[in-house]
C-alpha atoms as a PDB file:
ATOM      1  CA  MET A   1       0.245   0.146   0.005  1.00  0.00           C
ATOM      2  CA  LYS A   2       2.829   2.699   0.643  1.00  0.00           C
ATOM      3  CA  VAL A   3       3.775   3.484  -3.500  1.00  0.00           C
ATOM      4  CA  VAL A   4      -0.325   4.250  -4.011  1.00  0.00           C
ATOM      5  CA  PRO A   5      -0.634   7.047  -1.642  1.00  0.00           C
ATOM      6  CA  ALA A   6       3.287   7.913  -2.931  1.00  0.00           C
ATOM      7  CA  ASP A   7       1.939   7.709  -6.922  1.00  0.00           C
ATOM      8  CA  LYS A   8      -1.407   9.337  -6.565  1.00  0.00           C
ATOM      9  CA  LYS A   9       0.835  12.500  -4.816  1.00  0.00           C
ATOM     10  CA  ARG A  10      -0.989  11.919  -1.547  1.00  0.00           C
ATOM     11  CA  THR A  11       0.430  12.158   2.105  1.00  0.00           C
ATOM     12  CA  ASN A  12      -0.719  10.156   5.013  1.00  0.00           C
ATOM     13  CA  LYS A  13      -2.047  13.274   6.244  1.00  0.00           C
ATOM     14  CA  TRP A  14      -4.199  14.148   3.743  1.00  0.00           C
ATOM     15  CA  LEU A  15      -5.499   9.786   4.045  1.00  0.00           C
ATOM     16  CA  SER A  16      -5.839  10.481   7.656  1.00  0.00           C
ATOM     17  CA  ASP A  17      -7.986  13.985   6.765  1.00  0.00           C
ATOM     18  CA  LYS A  18      -9.657  11.400   3.862  1.00  0.00           C
ATOM     19  CA  LEU A  19     -10.322   8.837   6.081  1.00  0.00           C
ATOM     20  CA  GLY A  20     -11.216  10.795   9.143  1.00  0.00           C
ATOM     21  CA  LYS A  21      -8.386   8.695  11.194  1.00  0.00           C
ATOM     22  CA  ASP A  22      -5.986   9.035  12.871  1.00  0.00           C
ATOM     23  CA  PRO A  23      -2.250   9.638  11.230  1.00  0.00           C
ATOM     24  CA  ALA A  24      -0.669   6.936  13.056  1.00  0.00           C
ATOM     25  CA  THR A  25      -2.977   4.444  12.187  1.00  0.00           C
ATOM     26  CA  VAL A  26      -2.213   5.799   8.611  1.00  0.00           C
ATOM     27  CA  SER A  27       1.349   5.171   9.419  1.00  0.00           C
ATOM     28  CA  LYS A  28       1.100   1.994  10.641  1.00  0.00           C
ATOM     29  CA  TRP A  29      -0.825   0.459   7.671  1.00  0.00           C
ATOM     30  CA  VAL A  30       1.583   2.120   5.311  1.00  0.00           C
ATOM     31  CA  THR A  31       4.409   0.700   6.824  1.00  0.00           C
ATOM     32  CA  ASN A  32       2.757  -2.546   6.569  1.00  0.00           C
ATOM     33  CA  THR A  33       3.274  -2.900  11.089  1.00  0.00           C
ATOM     34  CA  THR A  34      -1.020  -3.107  10.484  1.00  0.00           C
ATOM     35  CA  GLN A  35      -3.333  -3.995   8.457  1.00  0.00           C
ATOM     36  CA  PRO A  36      -6.225  -2.297   7.307  1.00  0.00           C
ATOM     37  CA  SER A  37      -9.560  -4.280   7.568  1.00  0.00           C
ATOM     38  CA  LEU A  38     -11.363  -5.161   4.554  1.00  0.00           C
ATOM     39  CA  GLU A  39     -13.839  -1.675   4.857  1.00  0.00           C
ATOM     40  CA  ALA A  40     -11.253   0.269   5.473  1.00  0.00           C
ATOM     41  CA  LEU A  41      -9.730  -0.918   2.916  1.00  0.00           C
ATOM     42  CA  ILE A  42     -12.157  -0.062   0.105  1.00  0.00           C
ATOM     43  CA  ALA A  43     -12.586   3.327   1.950  1.00  0.00           C
ATOM     44  CA  ILE A  44      -8.522   3.413   1.452  1.00  0.00           C
ATOM     45  CA  ALA A  45      -9.339   2.561  -2.372  1.00  0.00           C
ATOM     46  CA  ASN A  46     -11.925   4.553  -2.930  1.00  0.00           C
ATOM     47  CA  ALA A  47     -10.390   7.486  -1.510  1.00  0.00           C
ATOM     48  CA  LEU A  48      -7.306   7.412  -3.890  1.00  0.00           C
ATOM     49  CA  GLU A  49      -9.940   6.240  -6.479  1.00  0.00           C
ATOM     50  CA  VAL A  50      -7.669   3.002  -7.107  1.00  0.00           C
ATOM     51  CA  PRO A  51      -8.501  -0.468  -7.189  1.00  0.00           C
ATOM     52  CA  VAL A  52      -8.629  -2.296  -3.943  1.00  0.00           C
ATOM     53  CA  GLN A  53      -6.765  -4.635  -5.825  1.00  0.00           C
ATOM     54  CA  GLU A  54      -3.961  -2.093  -6.551  1.00  0.00           C
ATOM     55  CA  LEU A  55      -3.742  -1.833  -2.621  1.00  0.00           C
ATOM     56  CA  VAL A  56      -3.094  -5.761  -2.068  1.00  0.00           C
ATOM     57  CA  ARG A  57       0.444  -7.426  -3.019  1.00  0.00           C
ATOM     58  CA  GLN A  58      -0.431 -10.595  -4.310  1.00  0.00           C
ATOM     59  CA  ASP A  59       3.454 -11.244  -4.724  1.00  0.00           C
ATOM     60  CA  GLU A  60       4.981 -10.450  -1.019  1.00  0.00           C
ATOM     61  CA  PHE A  61       1.653 -12.901  -0.041  1.00  0.00           C
ATOM     62  CA  ASN A  62       3.111 -15.635  -1.869  1.00  0.00           C
ATOM     63  CA  GLN A  63       6.067 -15.492  -1.395  1.00  0.00           C
ATOM     64  CA  GLU A  64       5.152 -15.330   2.674  1.00  0.00           C
ATOM     65  CA  LYS A  65       4.483 -19.418   2.423  1.00  0.00           C
END
């Protein structure tokens, strides 16, 4: 998820304001310290105007198995 806001020229602060979430929470999502809920993931995708799939890195998931 880290690269999508940067690609869209959006900051963590912008995203936290848009979602009504604490900036620390958004930072944890971006740095992959914690994972957003499915509901939050959909809200993030809508805010960034990207498909949810763009926020999920399937290749990283497959490597962890």
